[in-house]
C-alpha atoms as a PDB file:
ATOM      1  CA  MET A   1     -13.253  -3.890 -12.139  1.00  0.00           C
ATOM      2  CA  GLU A   2     -10.387  -5.825 -13.704  1.00  0.00           C
ATOM      3  CA  THR A   3      -9.567  -9.524 -13.528  1.00  0.00           C
ATOM      4  CA  VAL A   4      -6.366 -11.489 -13.830  1.00  0.00           C
ATOM      5  CA  ASN A   5      -5.843 -15.207 -13.439  1.00  0.00           C
ATOM      6  CA  VAL A   6      -3.206 -16.758 -11.196  1.00  0.00           C
ATOM      7  CA  SER A   7      -0.987 -17.812 -14.100  1.00  0.00           C
ATOM      8  CA  GLY A   8      -1.163 -14.285 -15.524  1.00  0.00           C
ATOM      9  CA  LEU A   9      -0.212 -12.936 -12.116  1.00  0.00           C
ATOM     10  CA  LYS A  10       2.790 -15.283 -11.964  1.00  0.00           C
ATOM     11  CA  ASN A  11       3.906 -14.563 -15.546  1.00  0.00           C
ATOM     12  CA  ASN A  12       3.360 -10.804 -15.547  1.00  0.00           C
ATOM     13  CA  PRO A  13       2.859  -9.341 -12.055  1.00  0.00           C
ATOM     14  CA  SER A  14       3.583  -5.805 -13.266  1.00  0.00           C
ATOM     15  CA  ASP A  15       0.485  -5.945 -15.499  1.00  0.00           C
ATOM     16  CA  ALA A  16      -1.692  -6.805 -12.494  1.00  0.00           C
ATOM     17  CA  LEU A  17      -0.087  -3.988 -10.475  1.00  0.00           C
ATOM     18  CA  ARG A  18      -0.744  -1.485 -13.275  1.00  0.00           C
ATOM     19  CA  LYS A  19      -4.368  -2.605 -13.373  1.00  0.00           C
ATOM     20  CA  ALA A  20      -4.643  -2.304  -9.567  1.00  0.00           C
ATOM     21  CA  ARG A  21      -3.462   1.302  -9.749  1.00  0.00           C
ATOM     22  CA  ARG A  22      -6.439   2.075 -11.997  1.00  0.00           C
ATOM     23  CA  ASP A  23      -9.151  -0.121 -10.506  1.00  0.00           C
ATOM     24  CA  VAL A  24      -9.914  -3.071  -8.245  1.00  0.00           C
ATOM     25  CA  VAL A  25      -8.433  -6.322  -9.568  1.00  0.00           C
ATOM     26  CA  ILE A  26      -9.935  -9.724  -8.849  1.00  0.00           C
ATOM     27  CA  VAL A  27      -7.409 -12.568  -9.005  1.00  0.00           C
ATOM     28  CA  MET A  28      -9.102 -15.677 -10.365  1.00  0.00           C
ATOM     29  CA  ASN A  29      -7.938 -19.194  -9.534  1.00  0.00           C
ATOM     30  CA  ARG A  30      -9.474 -21.344 -12.240  1.00  0.00           C
ATOM     31  CA  ASP A  31     -13.084 -20.168 -12.225  1.00  0.00           C
ATOM     32  CA  LYS A  32     -13.218 -18.870  -8.638  1.00  0.00           C
ATOM     33  CA  PRO A  33     -12.227 -15.476  -7.234  1.00  0.00           C
ATOM     34  CA  ASP A  34      -9.196 -16.019  -5.008  1.00  0.00           C
ATOM     35  CA  ALA A  35      -7.838 -12.593  -4.066  1.00  0.00           C
ATOM     36  CA  LEU A  36      -8.470  -8.904  -4.367  1.00  0.00           C
ATOM     37  CA  MET A  37      -5.847  -6.310  -5.320  1.00  0.00           C
ATOM     38  CA  VAL A  38      -6.385  -2.627  -4.614  1.00  0.00           C
ATOM     39  CA  GLY A  39      -3.873   0.097  -5.408  1.00  0.00           C
ATOM     40  CA  ILE A  40      -2.997   1.839  -2.154  1.00  0.00           C
ATOM     41  CA  GLU A  41      -2.210   5.205  -3.701  1.00  0.00           C
ATOM     42  CA  SER A  42      -5.380   5.314  -5.781  1.00  0.00           C
ATOM     43  CA  THR A  43      -7.537   4.910  -2.663  1.00  0.00           C
ATOM     44  CA  GLY A  44      -5.805   7.771  -0.858  1.00  0.00           C
ATOM     45  CA  VAL A  45      -5.502   5.624   2.263  1.00  0.00           C
ATOM     46  CA  LEU A  46      -1.825   6.544   2.727  1.00  0.00           C
ATOM     47  CA  GLU A  47      -2.785  10.184   3.163  1.00  0.00           C
ATOM     48  CA  SER A  48      -5.056   9.481   6.138  1.00  0.00           C
ATOM     49  CA  LYS A  49      -3.526  10.626   9.423  1.00  0.00           C
ATOM     50  CA  GLY A  50      -1.276   8.040  11.037  1.00  0.00           C
ATOM     51  CA  VAL A  51      -1.455   5.456   8.238  1.00  0.00           C
ATOM     52  CA  ARG A  52       2.047   5.989   6.839  1.00  0.00           C
ATOM     53  CA  PRO A  53       3.808   5.719  10.227  1.00  0.00           C
ATOM     54  CA  ALA A  54       1.704   2.690  11.208  1.00  0.00           C
ATOM     55  CA  LEU A  55       2.382   0.884   7.918  1.00  0.00           C
ATOM     56  CA  ALA A  56       6.089   1.744   8.009  1.00  0.00           C
ATOM     57  CA  THR A  57       6.339   0.569  11.624  1.00  0.00           C
ATOM     58  CA  ALA A  58       4.658  -2.768  10.906  1.00  0.00           C
ATOM     59  CA  LEU A  59       6.791  -3.402   7.812  1.00  0.00           C
ATOM     60  CA  PHE A  60       9.972  -2.523   9.717  1.00  0.00           C
ATOM     61  CA  ARG A  61       9.017  -4.590  12.784  1.00  0.00           C
ATOM     62  CA  ASP A  62       8.359  -7.643  10.606  1.00  0.00           C
ATOM     63  CA  GLY A  63      11.636  -7.215   8.700  1.00  0.00           C
ATOM     64  CA  HIS A  64      10.107  -6.333   5.330  1.00  0.00           C
ATOM     65  CA  LEU A  65      11.633  -2.834   5.098  1.00  0.00           C
ATOM     66  CA  SER A  66      14.955  -1.417   6.218  1.00  0.00           C
ATOM     67  CA  LEU A  67      15.188   1.361   8.770  1.00  0.00           C
ATOM     68  CA  VAL A  68      15.882   4.007   6.121  1.00  0.00           C
ATOM     69  CA  ARG A  69      13.104   2.878   3.773  1.00  0.00           C
ATOM     70  CA  SER A  70      10.662   2.682   6.671  1.00  0.00           C
ATOM     71  CA  ALA A  71      11.544   6.220   7.741  1.00  0.00           C
ATOM     72  CA  ARG A  72      11.027   7.391   4.170  1.00  0.00           C
ATOM     73  CA  LEU A  73       7.611   5.688   3.968  1.00  0.00           C
ATOM     74  CA  ALA A  74       6.622   7.232   7.305  1.00  0.00           C
ATOM     75  CA  GLN A  75       7.810  10.618   5.988  1.00  0.00           C
ATOM     76  CA  MET A  76      10.121  10.998   8.994  1.00  0.00           C
ATOM     77  CA  SER A  77      13.836  11.527   9.340  1.00  0.00           C
ATOM     78  CA  VAL A  78      15.755   8.413  10.335  1.00  0.00           C
ATOM     79  CA  SER A  79      16.340   9.786  13.836  1.00  0.00           C
ATOM     80  CA  GLU A  80      12.616  10.567  14.247  1.00  0.00           C
ATOM     81  CA  PHE A  81      11.731   7.057  13.087  1.00  0.00           C
ATOM     82  CA  VAL A  82      14.275   5.475  15.464  1.00  0.00           C
ATOM     83  CA  SER A  83      12.711   7.426  18.335  1.00  0.00           C
ATOM     84  CA  HIS A  84       9.235   6.400  17.163  1.00  0.00           C
ATOM     85  CA  VAL A  85       9.965   2.651  17.041  1.00  0.00           C
ATOM     86  CA  SER A  86      11.969   2.809  20.279  1.00  0.00           C
ATOM     87  CA  ARG A  87       8.973   4.317  22.091  1.00  0.00           C
ATOM     88  CA  LEU A  88       6.975   1.338  20.844  1.00  0.00           C
ATOM     89  CA  GLY A  89       9.547  -1.135  22.175  1.00  0.00           C
ATOM     90  CA  ILE A  90      10.757  -2.154  18.710  1.00  0.00           C
ATOM     91  CA  PRO A  91      14.554  -2.400  18.482  1.00  0.00           C
ATOM     92  CA  ALA A  92      15.961  -0.111  15.786  1.00  0.00           C
ATOM     93  CA  VAL A  93      19.040  -2.326  15.399  1.00  0.00           C
ATOM     94  CA  ARG A  94      18.900  -6.086  15.571  1.00  0.00           C
ATOM     95  CA  LEU A  95      22.219  -7.814  16.084  1.00  0.00           C
ATOM     96  CA  ASN A  96      23.104 -11.157  17.580  1.00  0.00           C
ATOM     97  CA  ALA A  97      26.106 -11.410  19.918  1.00  0.00           C
ATOM     98  CA  GLN A  98      28.498 -12.393  17.139  1.00  0.00           C
ATOM     99  CA  GLU A  99      27.442  -9.468  14.923  1.00  0.00           C
ATOM    100  CA  ALA A 100      27.697  -7.038  17.845  1.00  0.00           C
ATOM    101  CA  ALA A 101      31.215  -8.293  18.662  1.00  0.00           C
ATOM    102  CA  ARG A 102      32.234  -7.893  15.008  1.00  0.00           C
ATOM    103  CA  ASP A 103      30.868  -4.340  14.975  1.00  0.00           C
ATOM    104  CA  MET A 104      32.773  -3.522  18.178  1.00  0.00           C
ATOM    105  CA  ASP A 105      35.999  -4.882  16.627  1.00  0.00           C
ATOM    106  CA  THR A 106      35.433  -2.706  13.555  1.00  0.00           C
ATOM    107  CA  LEU A 107      34.799   0.346  15.754  1.00  0.00           C
ATOM    108  CA  GLU A 108      37.960  -0.287  17.776  1.00  0.00           C
ATOM    109  CA  GLU A 109      40.009  -0.637  14.551  1.00  0.00           C
ATOM    110  CA  TRP A 110      38.520   2.588  13.217  1.00  0.00           C
ATOM    111  CA  LEU A 111      39.221   4.459  16.479  1.00  0.00           C
ATOM    112  CA  ALA A 112      42.811   3.165  16.586  1.00  0.00           C
ATOM    113  CA  ALA A 113      43.387   4.373  13.007  1.00  0.00           C
ATOM    114  CA  SER A 114      42.015   7.864  13.716  1.00  0.00           C
END
């Protein structure tokens, strides 16, 4: 087990991540344990059936990963991932009305130039 204090985590997060890849890391806040860091790859949890798609879906749904990066994490093609999230009722593209209108204008300009 490794330990790192909060200030060490703030000043050098990559050191804490390296430690978490090797072993469990306890983050100490003053003299009390405050958090636990566990390297995902070292536990093998990503290789369990369904974990990668579920994690990628949650990260995409919450806006933490792009569509392409989520598909890569899920080990799916982009089209497979779009179908996957669509079946779950998660929009693959999120645009407001103004953005959609701008995209339509761009498409019409592109079609006119072709």
